[in-house]
Structures are given as structure tokens and as C-alpha cells.
Amino acid sequence: MNLASRTKKRRTELDMTQAEVAKRAGISQQSIEAIENGKTLKPRNLLALAAALECDARWLLLGGDVVPDSSFIARRVPVLSYSQAATLINAGPIPAPLDGDYLLTTSALSERSFALRIQGDAMEPEFREGDIVIIDANVYPVPGEFVAASNGSPVATFKKYRPVGDGAKGEEAFELVPLNSDYPTYRSWEKPVTLMGTMVEQRIFRRKR
């Protein structure tokens, strides 16, 4: 067997559809289809796929025993809208939204982690609408990293973090910069901005050319 047949075999054993595996892994159904028909030989999101199929990523690529790997621990991360993130980020572990939307990841994350599905084009070309980023609220950013933040509006924002020194009262001053220059930069000394967490993982979906 090859990667394609092992992926389909494991999915069938779990009695899952391609759409269900795709939702678990946080990738598109077209990506699963491309793997199972042999068009994709080295999946970009192999670890997430293995987690969704509850098996070892090495088995998917190389074969061997299809025994679920107990050391391969994946966890669910709730996928939140920008408005859900703005209201739920303030305290405690992040609960799953009512619709139960989530993805699986093997990254070492805190309980205050969540995923955002990118909206709009403010962060193009690196982040396109529909892509997913995983945010850990317990990770403080370093210059140049990407963050989710609240600027007092009922929805969160996702921007590039750029510290610029200290403010008038000794507090940290920073900017949140869009990658698309058509959008404004938020400056912490002009309007209160609260950092909500730092991006620790990005899931890119197939894009039409």
C-alpha cells in the first residue's frame, strides 16, 4: 500500500467521510481527495491528518502496523469567529462554541488556545480568507509575530505585532500592522489595545489560481 491507500483504509476503518476527516484535520475536503487519489504524495499537514485518523504519521508515509500510536496525542482546539474570540478570551480555558467546530493539533498548547478562521483581506497575501490560525493566549509575542487582539470593538483583530518602545507612563507601546496597506495600523498609545494571544500554527487551504 501507499499513502493514498493507507489514508483511505484508515478513514474507512473509522467509518468517516472525507469531509469529516477534513474537518478534524482543519484542511479542505479537496486536500483529502487529492491524497486518496494519489495526487498529493507529501501532505503539508501530515501531522494534522494523522491526528484526525488517529494513527501514527510514520505509518501513513511508510506503512507497517496500523496500530494507533498512544504517544501521538492530539487535542481539539475550538474554531472561533472574531466576535466569539473577543468575548471569550478574558478568563479561563477557551470553551468550544455551541456549533462544536474544532480542529485537531499535536502542537503543545495551553488550555487557553483557540483557532481563528481568517476573515477579509487585511492580512493578504500571507493570510487569505478561510485560512485558519491557532492562537495561544499564554504565549507573549516577539517582534514580527502575528497576534489576535482586542481594540475595544465587539470583534477581535488579527495583525502583525511591532513594539516601538515605552509609552508616556512606562507601559509597552506597540503597533498592530496589517499586511495589506489599504487597512489602518492600530497604535496602543492612540487607543487601548489588548493582546489576546500569539499565532503558533497556520493552516493554509487550497487556493484557486
N, C-alpha and C. Protein backbone atom coordinates (compact mmCIF):
# COMPACT_ATOMS: atom_id res chain seq x y z
N MET A 1 0.83 -1.20 0.00
CA MET A 1 0.00 0.00 0.00
C MET A 1 0.87 1.25 0.00
N ASN A 2 0.31 2.33 -0.49
CA ASN A 2 0.99 3.61 -0.47
C ASN A 2 0.21 4.59 0.42
N LEU A 3 0.65 5.85 0.44
CA LEU A 3 -0.01 6.86 1.28
C LEU A 3 -1.50 6.95 0.96
N ALA A 4 -1.83 6.96 -0.31
CA ALA A 4 -3.23 7.09 -0.73
C ALA A 4 -4.09 5.97 -0.17
N SER A 5 -3.64 4.73 -0.36
CA SER A 5 -4.44 3.59 0.09
C SER A 5 -4.48 3.47 1.61
N ARG A 6 -3.38 3.84 2.29
CA ARG A 6 -3.38 3.78 3.75
C ARG A 6 -4.32 4.83 4.34
N THR A 7 -4.33 6.02 3.73
CA THR A 7 -5.23 7.07 4.21
C THR A 7 -6.69 6.64 4.05
N LYS A 8 -7.03 6.10 2.89
CA LYS A 8 -8.40 5.67 2.65
C LYS A 8 -8.77 4.48 3.54
N LYS A 9 -7.83 3.56 3.72
CA LYS A 9 -8.07 2.38 4.57
C LYS A 9 -8.38 2.81 5.99
N ARG A 10 -7.56 3.71 6.53
CA ARG A 10 -7.75 4.13 7.91
C ARG A 10 -9.06 4.92 8.06
N ARG A 11 -9.35 5.76 7.09
CA ARG A 11 -10.60 6.52 7.13
C ARG A 11 -11.81 5.59 7.13
N THR A 12 -11.74 4.54 6.30
CA THR A 12 -12.83 3.57 6.21
C THR A 12 -12.98 2.81 7.52
N GLU A 13 -11.85 2.45 8.13
CA GLU A 13 -11.90 1.74 9.42
C GLU A 13 -12.59 2.58 10.50
N LEU A 14 -12.41 3.88 10.43
CA LEU A 14 -13.02 4.78 11.40
C LEU A 14 -14.45 5.17 11.00
N ASP A 15 -14.89 4.66 9.84
CA ASP A 15 -16.23 4.95 9.33
C ASP A 15 -16.46 6.46 9.22
N MET A 16 -15.49 7.14 8.59
CA MET A 16 -15.57 8.58 8.43
C MET A 16 -15.60 8.94 6.96
N THR A 17 -16.26 10.04 6.66
CA THR A 17 -16.25 10.57 5.31
C THR A 17 -15.02 11.46 5.12
N GLN A 18 -14.72 11.78 3.87
CA GLN A 18 -13.61 12.70 3.61
C GLN A 18 -13.87 14.05 4.27
N ALA A 19 -15.12 14.48 4.26
CA ALA A 19 -15.47 15.77 4.86
C ALA A 19 -15.23 15.75 6.37
N GLU A 20 -15.53 14.64 7.01
CA GLU A 20 -15.32 14.53 8.46
C GLU A 20 -13.84 14.55 8.81
N VAL A 21 -13.03 13.83 8.02
CA VAL A 21 -11.58 13.85 8.26
C VAL A 21 -11.03 15.25 8.03
N ALA A 22 -11.49 15.90 6.98
CA ALA A 22 -11.02 17.24 6.67
C ALA A 22 -11.34 18.21 7.80
N LYS A 23 -12.54 18.10 8.38
CA LYS A 23 -12.91 18.99 9.48
C LYS A 23 -12.04 18.74 10.69
N ARG A 24 -11.80 17.47 10.99
CA ARG A 24 -10.92 17.14 12.12
C ARG A 24 -9.53 17.72 11.93
N ALA A 25 -9.01 17.58 10.72
CA ALA A 25 -7.63 17.99 10.45
C ALA A 25 -7.50 19.48 10.19
N GLY A 26 -8.61 20.16 9.95
CA GLY A 26 -8.55 21.59 9.66
C GLY A 26 -8.05 21.89 8.28
N ILE A 27 -8.33 20.98 7.33
CA ILE A 27 -7.95 21.20 5.94
C ILE A 27 -9.18 20.99 5.07
N SER A 28 -9.05 21.21 3.78
CA SER A 28 -10.20 21.10 2.90
C SER A 28 -10.46 19.66 2.48
N GLN A 29 -11.71 19.38 2.12
CA GLN A 29 -12.04 18.05 1.63
C GLN A 29 -11.29 17.75 0.35
N GLN A 30 -11.04 18.78 -0.47
CA GLN A 30 -10.29 18.59 -1.71
C GLN A 30 -8.88 18.08 -1.43
N SER A 31 -8.31 18.52 -0.29
CA SER A 31 -6.97 18.05 0.07
C SER A 31 -6.99 16.56 0.40
N ILE A 32 -8.02 16.12 1.11
CA ILE A 32 -8.15 14.69 1.43
C ILE A 32 -8.34 13.90 0.15
N GLU A 33 -9.17 14.40 -0.74
CA GLU A 33 -9.42 13.73 -2.02
C GLU A 33 -8.13 13.60 -2.83
N ALA A 34 -7.32 14.66 -2.83
CA ALA A 34 -6.07 14.64 -3.58
C ALA A 34 -5.09 13.62 -3.01
N ILE A 35 -5.11 13.44 -1.68
CA ILE A 35 -4.25 12.44 -1.05
C ILE A 35 -4.71 11.04 -1.41
N GLU A 36 -6.02 10.81 -1.33
CA GLU A 36 -6.55 9.47 -1.57
C GLU A 36 -6.48 9.06 -3.04
N ASN A 37 -6.45 10.01 -3.96
CA ASN A 37 -6.32 9.62 -5.37
C ASN A 37 -4.87 9.66 -5.87
N GLY A 38 -3.95 9.90 -4.92
CA GLY A 38 -2.53 9.80 -5.26
C GLY A 38 -1.90 11.04 -5.85
N LYS A 39 -2.65 12.14 -5.92
CA LYS A 39 -2.08 13.38 -6.49
C LYS A 39 -1.14 14.08 -5.51
N THR A 40 -1.43 13.94 -4.21
CA THR A 40 -0.57 14.54 -3.19
C THR A 40 0.24 13.44 -2.52
N LEU A 41 1.56 13.50 -2.65
CA LEU A 41 2.43 12.45 -2.12
C LEU A 41 3.06 12.82 -0.78
N LYS A 42 3.20 14.12 -0.54
CA LYS A 42 3.78 14.59 0.72
C LYS A 42 2.90 15.70 1.28
N PRO A 43 1.84 15.35 2.02
CA PRO A 43 0.90 16.35 2.53
C PRO A 43 1.57 17.37 3.44
N ARG A 44 1.24 18.61 3.25
CA ARG A 44 1.78 19.68 4.09
C ARG A 44 1.33 19.53 5.53
N ASN A 45 0.09 19.04 5.70
CA ASN A 45 -0.49 18.92 7.03
C ASN A 45 -0.54 17.45 7.47
N LEU A 46 0.57 16.75 7.29
CA LEU A 46 0.61 15.32 7.59
C LEU A 46 0.28 15.02 9.05
N LEU A 47 0.84 15.80 9.97
CA LEU A 47 0.61 15.54 11.39
C LEU A 47 -0.86 15.73 11.75
N ALA A 48 -1.47 16.77 11.21
CA ALA A 48 -2.89 17.00 11.48
C ALA A 48 -3.73 15.89 10.87
N LEU A 49 -3.34 15.41 9.69
CA LEU A 49 -4.07 14.31 9.05
C LEU A 49 -3.96 13.05 9.89
N ALA A 50 -2.77 12.75 10.37
CA ALA A 50 -2.58 11.57 11.21
C ALA A 50 -3.39 11.67 12.49
N ALA A 51 -3.43 12.86 13.07
CA ALA A 51 -4.22 13.05 14.28
C ALA A 51 -5.70 12.82 14.00
N ALA A 52 -6.17 13.32 12.87
CA ALA A 52 -7.58 13.13 12.50
C ALA A 52 -7.90 11.66 12.29
N LEU A 53 -6.93 10.90 11.77
CA LEU A 53 -7.13 9.48 11.51
C LEU A 53 -6.71 8.60 12.69
N GLU A 54 -6.26 9.25 13.77
CA GLU A 54 -5.90 8.53 15.00
C GLU A 54 -4.85 7.45 14.74
N CYS A 55 -3.81 7.84 14.04
CA CYS A 55 -2.73 6.90 13.74
C CYS A 55 -1.41 7.65 13.71
N ASP A 56 -0.34 6.90 13.56
CA ASP A 56 1.00 7.47 13.53
C ASP A 56 1.28 8.03 12.14
N ALA A 57 1.83 9.25 12.07
CA ALA A 57 2.16 9.86 10.79
C ALA A 57 3.18 9.02 10.02
N ARG A 58 4.06 8.33 10.75
CA ARG A 58 5.07 7.49 10.08
C ARG A 58 4.41 6.34 9.34
N TRP A 59 3.32 5.81 9.92
CA TRP A 59 2.60 4.73 9.25
C TRP A 59 1.96 5.21 7.96
N LEU A 60 1.40 6.42 8.00
CA LEU A 60 0.78 6.96 6.79
C LEU A 60 1.78 7.05 5.64
N LEU A 61 3.00 7.47 5.96
CA LEU A 61 4.01 7.66 4.92
C LEU A 61 4.71 6.36 4.54
N LEU A 62 5.04 5.54 5.54
CA LEU A 62 5.95 4.42 5.31
C LEU A 62 5.30 3.05 5.44
N GLY A 63 4.13 2.98 6.04
CA GLY A 63 3.47 1.69 6.22
C GLY A 63 3.89 1.01 7.51
N GLY A 64 3.52 -0.25 7.65
CA GLY A 64 3.79 -1.00 8.87
C GLY A 64 2.48 -1.31 9.57
N ASP A 65 2.54 -1.49 10.88
CA ASP A 65 1.33 -1.81 11.64
C ASP A 65 0.44 -0.58 11.76
N VAL A 66 -0.84 -0.77 11.59
CA VAL A 66 -1.80 0.33 11.71
C VAL A 66 -2.38 0.38 13.11
N VAL A 67 -1.52 0.28 14.09
CA VAL A 67 -1.94 0.37 15.48
C VAL A 67 -1.89 1.84 15.90
N PRO A 68 -3.00 2.40 16.39
CA PRO A 68 -2.97 3.79 16.84
C PRO A 68 -1.82 4.02 17.82
N ASP A 69 -1.13 5.08 17.63
CA ASP A 69 0.06 5.38 18.44
C ASP A 69 -0.37 6.16 19.69
N SER A 70 -0.26 5.52 20.86
CA SER A 70 -0.70 6.16 22.10
C SER A 70 0.16 7.36 22.47
N SER A 71 1.37 7.44 21.89
CA SER A 71 2.23 8.58 22.19
C SER A 71 1.92 9.75 21.27
N PHE A 72 1.07 9.50 20.28
CA PHE A 72 0.73 10.54 19.32
C PHE A 72 -0.55 11.22 19.81
N ILE A 73 -0.40 12.21 20.67
CA ILE A 73 -1.53 12.82 21.34
C ILE A 73 -1.96 14.08 20.60
N ALA A 74 -3.21 14.09 20.19
CA ALA A 74 -3.77 15.27 19.54
C ALA A 74 -4.84 15.85 20.45
N ARG A 75 -5.07 17.13 20.34
CA ARG A 75 -6.10 17.76 21.14
C ARG A 75 -6.99 18.61 20.25
N ARG A 76 -8.21 18.81 20.72
CA ARG A 76 -9.16 19.63 20.00
C ARG A 76 -8.93 21.10 20.35
N VAL A 77 -8.98 21.92 19.33
CA VAL A 77 -8.90 23.37 19.52
C VAL A 77 -10.16 23.97 18.92
N PRO A 78 -10.94 24.70 19.71
CA PRO A 78 -12.17 25.29 19.17
C PRO A 78 -11.88 26.34 18.11
N VAL A 79 -12.64 26.33 17.04
CA VAL A 79 -12.53 27.34 16.00
C VAL A 79 -13.56 28.42 16.30
N LEU A 80 -13.09 29.63 16.58
CA LEU A 80 -13.96 30.73 16.98
C LEU A 80 -14.08 31.76 15.87
N SER A 81 -15.18 32.45 15.85
CA SER A 81 -15.31 33.62 15.00
C SER A 81 -14.60 34.78 15.67
N TYR A 82 -14.40 35.86 14.94
CA TYR A 82 -13.75 37.02 15.54
C TYR A 82 -14.57 37.57 16.70
N SER A 83 -15.89 37.51 16.60
CA SER A 83 -16.73 38.03 17.68
C SER A 83 -16.72 37.09 18.88
N GLN A 84 -16.71 35.78 18.66
CA GLN A 84 -16.62 34.84 19.78
C GLN A 84 -15.30 35.01 20.53
N ALA A 85 -14.22 35.18 19.80
CA ALA A 85 -12.91 35.35 20.44
C ALA A 85 -12.89 36.58 21.32
N ALA A 86 -13.50 37.66 20.86
CA ALA A 86 -13.49 38.91 21.62
C ALA A 86 -14.21 38.78 22.94
N THR A 87 -15.22 37.91 23.03
CA THR A 87 -16.00 37.80 24.26
C THR A 87 -15.54 36.68 25.17
N LEU A 88 -14.83 35.68 24.64
CA LEU A 88 -14.48 34.51 25.43
C LEU A 88 -13.04 34.48 25.93
N ILE A 89 -12.23 35.40 25.47
CA ILE A 89 -10.80 35.32 25.73
C ILE A 89 -10.41 35.80 27.12
N ASN A 90 -11.29 36.45 27.83
CA ASN A 90 -10.90 37.16 29.06
C ASN A 90 -10.60 36.28 30.26
N ALA A 91 -11.14 35.06 30.32
CA ALA A 91 -10.92 34.28 31.54
C ALA A 91 -10.97 32.79 31.26
N GLY A 92 -10.03 32.06 31.89
CA GLY A 92 -10.09 30.60 31.91
C GLY A 92 -9.86 29.93 30.58
N PRO A 93 -9.99 28.58 30.58
CA PRO A 93 -9.86 27.82 29.33
C PRO A 93 -10.90 28.27 28.32
N ILE A 94 -10.57 28.18 27.05
CA ILE A 94 -11.48 28.61 26.00
C ILE A 94 -12.48 27.49 25.71
N PRO A 95 -13.76 27.72 25.93
CA PRO A 95 -14.76 26.66 25.67
C PRO A 95 -15.03 26.52 24.19
N ALA A 96 -15.48 25.33 23.79
CA ALA A 96 -15.87 25.13 22.39
C ALA A 96 -17.16 25.88 22.13
N PRO A 97 -17.31 26.46 20.94
CA PRO A 97 -18.55 27.15 20.62
C PRO A 97 -19.71 26.17 20.52
N LEU A 98 -20.91 26.70 20.51
CA LEU A 98 -22.09 25.85 20.54
C LEU A 98 -22.19 24.94 19.32
N ASP A 99 -21.67 25.38 18.18
CA ASP A 99 -21.78 24.56 16.98
C ASP A 99 -20.73 23.45 16.96
N GLY A 100 -19.83 23.42 17.95
CA GLY A 100 -18.87 22.34 18.07
C GLY A 100 -17.76 22.34 17.04
N ASP A 101 -17.54 23.45 16.37
CA ASP A 101 -16.50 23.50 15.33
C ASP A 101 -15.13 23.45 16.00
N TYR A 102 -14.27 22.55 15.55
CA TYR A 102 -12.94 22.40 16.13
C TYR A 102 -12.00 21.80 15.10
N LEU A 103 -10.70 21.85 15.42
CA LEU A 103 -9.71 21.14 14.63
C LEU A 103 -8.77 20.44 15.59
N LEU A 104 -7.99 19.50 15.05
CA LEU A 104 -7.04 18.74 15.86
C LEU A 104 -5.63 19.24 15.60
N THR A 105 -4.83 19.27 16.66
CA THR A 105 -3.43 19.65 16.53
C THR A 105 -2.59 18.84 17.49
N THR A 106 -1.34 18.61 17.12
CA THR A 106 -0.40 17.93 18.01
C THR A 106 0.58 18.90 18.65
N SER A 107 0.40 20.19 18.39
CA SER A 107 1.27 21.20 18.99
C SER A 107 1.05 21.25 20.50
N ALA A 108 2.10 21.60 21.23
CA ALA A 108 2.00 21.75 22.68
C ALA A 108 1.38 23.12 22.98
N LEU A 109 0.11 23.11 23.36
CA LEU A 109 -0.63 24.35 23.56
C LEU A 109 -1.21 24.41 24.97
N SER A 110 -1.47 25.60 25.43
CA SER A 110 -2.13 25.77 26.72
C SER A 110 -3.64 25.58 26.55
N GLU A 111 -4.35 25.51 27.68
CA GLU A 111 -5.80 25.38 27.64
C GLU A 111 -6.47 26.65 27.15
N ARG A 112 -5.72 27.71 27.07
CA ARG A 112 -6.26 28.98 26.59
C ARG A 112 -5.87 29.21 25.14
N SER A 113 -6.04 28.17 24.34
CA SER A 113 -5.74 28.23 22.92
C SER A 113 -7.02 28.12 22.12
N PHE A 114 -7.04 28.75 20.98
CA PHE A 114 -8.20 28.71 20.11
C PHE A 114 -7.74 28.96 18.67
N ALA A 115 -8.63 28.69 17.74
CA ALA A 115 -8.31 28.92 16.32
C ALA A 115 -9.24 30.00 15.78
N LEU A 116 -8.71 30.78 14.85
CA LEU A 116 -9.48 31.79 14.14
C LEU A 116 -9.49 31.46 12.66
N ARG A 117 -10.66 31.56 12.05
CA ARG A 117 -10.74 31.44 10.60
C ARG A 117 -10.63 32.86 10.04
N ILE A 118 -9.62 33.08 9.21
CA ILE A 118 -9.33 34.42 8.72
C ILE A 118 -10.51 34.99 7.94
N GLN A 119 -10.83 36.23 8.26
CA GLN A 119 -11.90 36.94 7.57
C GLN A 119 -11.32 38.16 6.85
N GLY A 120 -11.79 38.42 5.66
CA GLY A 120 -11.37 39.61 4.93
C GLY A 120 -9.98 39.48 4.33
N ASP A 121 -9.47 40.61 3.82
CA ASP A 121 -8.19 40.60 3.09
C ASP A 121 -7.14 41.50 3.73
N ALA A 122 -7.34 41.87 5.00
CA ALA A 122 -6.41 42.79 5.65
C ALA A 122 -5.01 42.20 5.82
N MET A 123 -4.90 40.85 5.82
CA MET A 123 -3.60 40.22 6.04
C MET A 123 -3.08 39.50 4.79
N GLU A 124 -3.65 39.82 3.65
CA GLU A 124 -3.11 39.27 2.41
C GLU A 124 -1.78 39.95 2.08
N PRO A 125 -0.86 39.25 1.41
CA PRO A 125 -1.05 37.97 0.74
C PRO A 125 -0.74 36.74 1.60
N GLU A 126 -0.18 36.92 2.80
CA GLU A 126 0.25 35.76 3.58
C GLU A 126 -0.91 34.99 4.18
N PHE A 127 -1.97 35.70 4.53
CA PHE A 127 -3.14 35.06 5.12
C PHE A 127 -4.36 35.40 4.27
N ARG A 128 -5.02 34.37 3.76
CA ARG A 128 -6.19 34.57 2.91
C ARG A 128 -7.46 34.21 3.67
N GLU A 129 -8.57 34.78 3.25
CA GLU A 129 -9.84 34.47 3.89
C GLU A 129 -10.11 32.97 3.82
N GLY A 130 -10.49 32.39 4.96
CA GLY A 130 -10.73 30.96 5.04
C GLY A 130 -9.58 30.19 5.64
N ASP A 131 -8.35 30.73 5.59
CA ASP A 131 -7.23 30.09 6.28
C ASP A 131 -7.52 30.07 7.78
N ILE A 132 -6.85 29.18 8.49
CA ILE A 132 -7.04 29.09 9.94
C ILE A 132 -5.71 29.30 10.64
N VAL A 133 -5.74 30.09 11.70
CA VAL A 133 -4.56 30.29 12.55
C VAL A 133 -4.91 29.84 13.96
N ILE A 134 -3.96 29.20 14.62
CA ILE A 134 -4.15 28.78 16.01
C ILE A 134 -3.43 29.78 16.91
N ILE A 135 -4.16 30.27 17.90
CA ILE A 135 -3.66 31.30 18.82
C ILE A 135 -3.54 30.71 20.22
N ASP A 136 -2.40 30.95 20.86
CA ASP A 136 -2.24 30.55 22.26
C ASP A 136 -2.18 31.82 23.11
N ALA A 137 -3.16 31.97 23.99
CA ALA A 137 -3.25 33.17 24.82
C ALA A 137 -2.15 33.24 25.87
N ASN A 138 -1.46 32.13 26.13
CA ASN A 138 -0.39 32.12 27.12
C ASN A 138 0.98 32.39 26.52
N VAL A 139 1.03 32.66 25.23
CA VAL A 139 2.31 32.94 24.56
C VAL A 139 2.37 34.43 24.24
N TYR A 140 3.41 35.10 24.79
CA TYR A 140 3.57 36.53 24.51
C TYR A 140 4.43 36.70 23.26
N PRO A 141 4.06 37.61 22.38
CA PRO A 141 4.75 37.69 21.09
C PRO A 141 6.12 38.34 21.17
N VAL A 142 6.95 37.99 20.22
CA VAL A 142 8.20 38.70 19.97
C VAL A 142 8.00 39.53 18.72
N PRO A 143 8.85 40.53 18.48
CA PRO A 143 8.65 41.40 17.32
C PRO A 143 8.52 40.61 16.02
N GLY A 144 7.51 40.97 15.24
CA GLY A 144 7.30 40.33 13.94
C GLY A 144 6.34 39.17 13.95
N GLU A 145 5.94 38.70 15.14
CA GLU A 145 4.97 37.61 15.19
C GLU A 145 3.56 38.16 14.98
N PHE A 146 2.63 37.23 14.76
CA PHE A 146 1.25 37.61 14.48
C PHE A 146 0.38 37.33 15.71
N VAL A 147 -0.53 38.24 15.98
CA VAL A 147 -1.31 38.16 17.21
C VAL A 147 -2.79 38.40 16.94
N ALA A 148 -3.60 37.88 17.85
CA ALA A 148 -5.00 38.28 17.94
C ALA A 148 -5.08 39.32 19.04
N ALA A 149 -5.94 40.30 18.85
CA ALA A 149 -6.02 41.40 19.82
C ALA A 149 -7.43 41.96 19.84
N SER A 150 -7.71 42.70 20.90
CA SER A 150 -8.97 43.40 21.05
C SER A 150 -8.69 44.89 21.12
N ASN A 151 -9.45 45.66 20.37
CA ASN A 151 -9.27 47.12 20.39
C ASN A 151 -10.51 47.83 20.90
N GLY A 152 -11.30 47.09 21.69
CA GLY A 152 -12.49 47.69 22.26
C GLY A 152 -13.75 47.47 21.45
N SER A 153 -13.61 46.93 20.25
CA SER A 153 -14.78 46.66 19.42
C SER A 153 -15.31 45.26 19.76
N PRO A 154 -16.51 44.91 19.29
CA PRO A 154 -17.08 43.59 19.62
C PRO A 154 -16.46 42.43 18.84
N VAL A 155 -15.48 42.72 18.01
CA VAL A 155 -14.80 41.65 17.26
C VAL A 155 -13.30 41.77 17.46
N ALA A 156 -12.63 40.63 17.43
CA ALA A 156 -11.17 40.63 17.56
C ALA A 156 -10.53 41.06 16.25
N THR A 157 -9.23 41.27 16.30
CA THR A 157 -8.48 41.57 15.09
C THR A 157 -7.24 40.70 15.05
N PHE A 158 -6.71 40.45 13.87
CA PHE A 158 -5.51 39.63 13.69
C PHE A 158 -4.51 40.44 12.89
N LYS A 159 -3.35 40.74 13.52
CA LYS A 159 -2.38 41.63 12.89
C LYS A 159 -0.95 41.22 13.25
N LYS A 160 0.01 41.89 12.64
CA LYS A 160 1.44 41.70 12.94
C LYS A 160 1.83 42.61 14.10
N TYR A 161 2.56 42.04 15.05
CA TYR A 161 2.94 42.77 16.27
C TYR A 161 4.29 43.47 16.07
N ARG A 162 4.32 44.78 16.40
CA ARG A 162 5.57 45.55 16.27
C ARG A 162 5.74 46.48 17.47
N PRO A 163 6.58 46.13 18.44
CA PRO A 163 6.81 47.02 19.59
C PRO A 163 7.64 48.22 19.16
N VAL A 164 7.38 49.37 19.78
CA VAL A 164 8.10 50.59 19.40
C VAL A 164 8.72 51.30 20.61
N GLY A 165 8.71 50.65 21.77
CA GLY A 165 9.32 51.28 22.95
C GLY A 165 8.34 51.39 24.09
N ASP A 166 8.55 52.38 24.95
CA ASP A 166 7.70 52.59 26.11
C ASP A 166 6.79 53.79 25.90
N GLY A 167 5.59 53.71 26.48
CA GLY A 167 4.66 54.82 26.42
C GLY A 167 4.98 55.88 27.45
N ALA A 168 4.11 56.88 27.54
CA ALA A 168 4.33 58.01 28.44
C ALA A 168 4.38 57.60 29.90
N LYS A 169 3.67 56.53 30.27
CA LYS A 169 3.64 56.06 31.65
C LYS A 169 4.51 54.84 31.88
N GLY A 170 5.40 54.57 30.95
CA GLY A 170 6.31 53.44 31.10
C GLY A 170 5.75 52.12 30.60
N GLU A 171 4.51 52.13 30.11
CA GLU A 171 3.93 50.90 29.59
C GLU A 171 4.47 50.61 28.19
N GLU A 172 4.37 49.36 27.77
CA GLU A 172 4.85 48.99 26.45
C GLU A 172 3.98 49.66 25.38
N ALA A 173 4.63 50.23 24.40
CA ALA A 173 3.93 50.81 23.26
C ALA A 173 4.19 49.91 22.05
N PHE A 174 3.14 49.62 21.31
CA PHE A 174 3.29 48.73 20.15
C PHE A 174 2.27 49.07 19.08
N GLU A 175 2.54 48.58 17.90
CA GLU A 175 1.63 48.73 16.77
C GLU A 175 1.14 47.36 16.33
N LEU A 176 -0.07 47.31 15.82
CA LEU A 176 -0.60 46.11 15.18
C LEU A 176 -0.78 46.45 13.71
N VAL A 177 0.02 45.79 12.88
CA VAL A 177 0.17 46.21 11.50
C VAL A 177 -0.49 45.22 10.54
N PRO A 178 -1.37 45.68 9.65
CA PRO A 178 -1.92 44.80 8.62
C PRO A 178 -0.88 44.60 7.51
N LEU A 179 -0.94 43.46 6.84
CA LEU A 179 -0.04 43.23 5.71
C LEU A 179 -0.54 43.90 4.44
N ASN A 180 -1.82 44.18 4.42
CA ASN A 180 -2.43 44.91 3.31
C ASN A 180 -2.45 46.39 3.67
N SER A 181 -1.71 47.19 2.93
CA SER A 181 -1.54 48.61 3.28
C SER A 181 -2.82 49.43 3.12
N ASP A 182 -3.86 48.84 2.58
CA ASP A 182 -5.13 49.56 2.47
C ASP A 182 -5.85 49.67 3.81
N TYR A 183 -5.35 48.96 4.82
CA TYR A 183 -6.01 48.95 6.12
C TYR A 183 -5.17 49.71 7.14
N PRO A 184 -5.81 50.25 8.19
CA PRO A 184 -5.09 51.07 9.17
C PRO A 184 -4.25 50.25 10.14
N THR A 185 -3.21 50.88 10.67
CA THR A 185 -2.40 50.31 11.73
C THR A 185 -2.96 50.76 13.07
N TYR A 186 -3.08 49.81 14.02
CA TYR A 186 -3.53 50.17 15.36
C TYR A 186 -2.32 50.49 16.22
N ARG A 187 -2.41 51.59 16.98
CA ARG A 187 -1.32 52.01 17.85
C ARG A 187 -1.82 52.07 19.28
N SER A 188 -1.10 51.37 20.17
CA SER A 188 -1.58 51.22 21.55
C SER A 188 -1.65 52.53 22.30
N TRP A 189 -0.86 53.53 21.90
CA TRP A 189 -0.88 54.81 22.60
C TRP A 189 -1.98 55.74 22.08
N GLU A 190 -2.61 55.36 20.98
CA GLU A 190 -3.71 56.16 20.46
C GLU A 190 -5.07 55.65 20.93
N LYS A 191 -5.17 54.32 21.08
CA LYS A 191 -6.41 53.70 21.52
C LYS A 191 -6.05 52.41 22.24
N PRO A 192 -6.67 52.13 23.40
CA PRO A 192 -6.33 50.92 24.14
C PRO A 192 -6.47 49.66 23.29
N VAL A 193 -5.42 48.86 23.31
CA VAL A 193 -5.40 47.60 22.57
C VAL A 193 -4.92 46.51 23.53
N THR A 194 -5.64 45.41 23.59
CA THR A 194 -5.28 44.29 24.46
C THR A 194 -4.85 43.10 23.62
N LEU A 195 -3.63 42.61 23.87
CA LEU A 195 -3.17 41.42 23.16
C LEU A 195 -3.89 40.20 23.71
N MET A 196 -4.40 39.36 22.83
CA MET A 196 -5.17 38.19 23.24
C MET A 196 -4.37 36.90 23.11
N GLY A 197 -3.31 36.91 22.33
CA GLY A 197 -2.52 35.70 22.16
C GLY A 197 -1.71 35.75 20.87
N THR A 198 -0.82 34.80 20.74
CA THR A 198 0.12 34.76 19.63
C THR A 198 -0.14 33.56 18.73
N MET A 199 -0.02 33.77 17.42
CA MET A 199 -0.19 32.67 16.48
C MET A 199 0.93 31.65 16.66
N VAL A 200 0.56 30.38 16.81
CA VAL A 200 1.55 29.31 16.96
C VAL A 200 1.47 28.30 15.83
N GLU A 201 0.44 28.40 15.01
CA GLU A 201 0.29 27.47 13.89
C GLU A 201 -0.62 28.09 12.84
N GLN A 202 -0.34 27.81 11.57
CA GLN A 202 -1.16 28.30 10.47
C GLN A 202 -1.56 27.14 9.57
N ARG A 203 -2.82 27.09 9.21
CA ARG A 203 -3.32 26.09 8.27
C ARG A 203 -3.73 26.81 6.98
N ILE A 204 -3.09 26.47 5.89
CA ILE A 204 -3.37 27.10 4.61
C ILE A 204 -4.17 26.12 3.76
N PHE A 205 -5.27 26.59 3.19
CA PHE A 205 -6.12 25.77 2.38
C PHE A 205 -5.80 25.94 0.89
N ARG A 206 -6.23 24.98 0.11
CA ARG A 206 -6.00 25.05 -1.32
C ARG A 206 -6.61 26.34 -1.87
N ARG A 207 -5.85 27.01 -2.73
CA ARG A 207 -6.32 28.27 -3.29
C ARG A 207 -6.44 28.15 -4.80
N LYS A 208 -7.54 28.65 -5.30
CA LYS A 208 -7.73 28.62 -6.74
C LYS A 208 -6.81 29.64 -7.39
N ARG A 209 -6.24 29.25 -8.51
CA ARG A 209 -5.34 30.15 -9.24
C ARG A 209 -6.09 30.88 -10.34
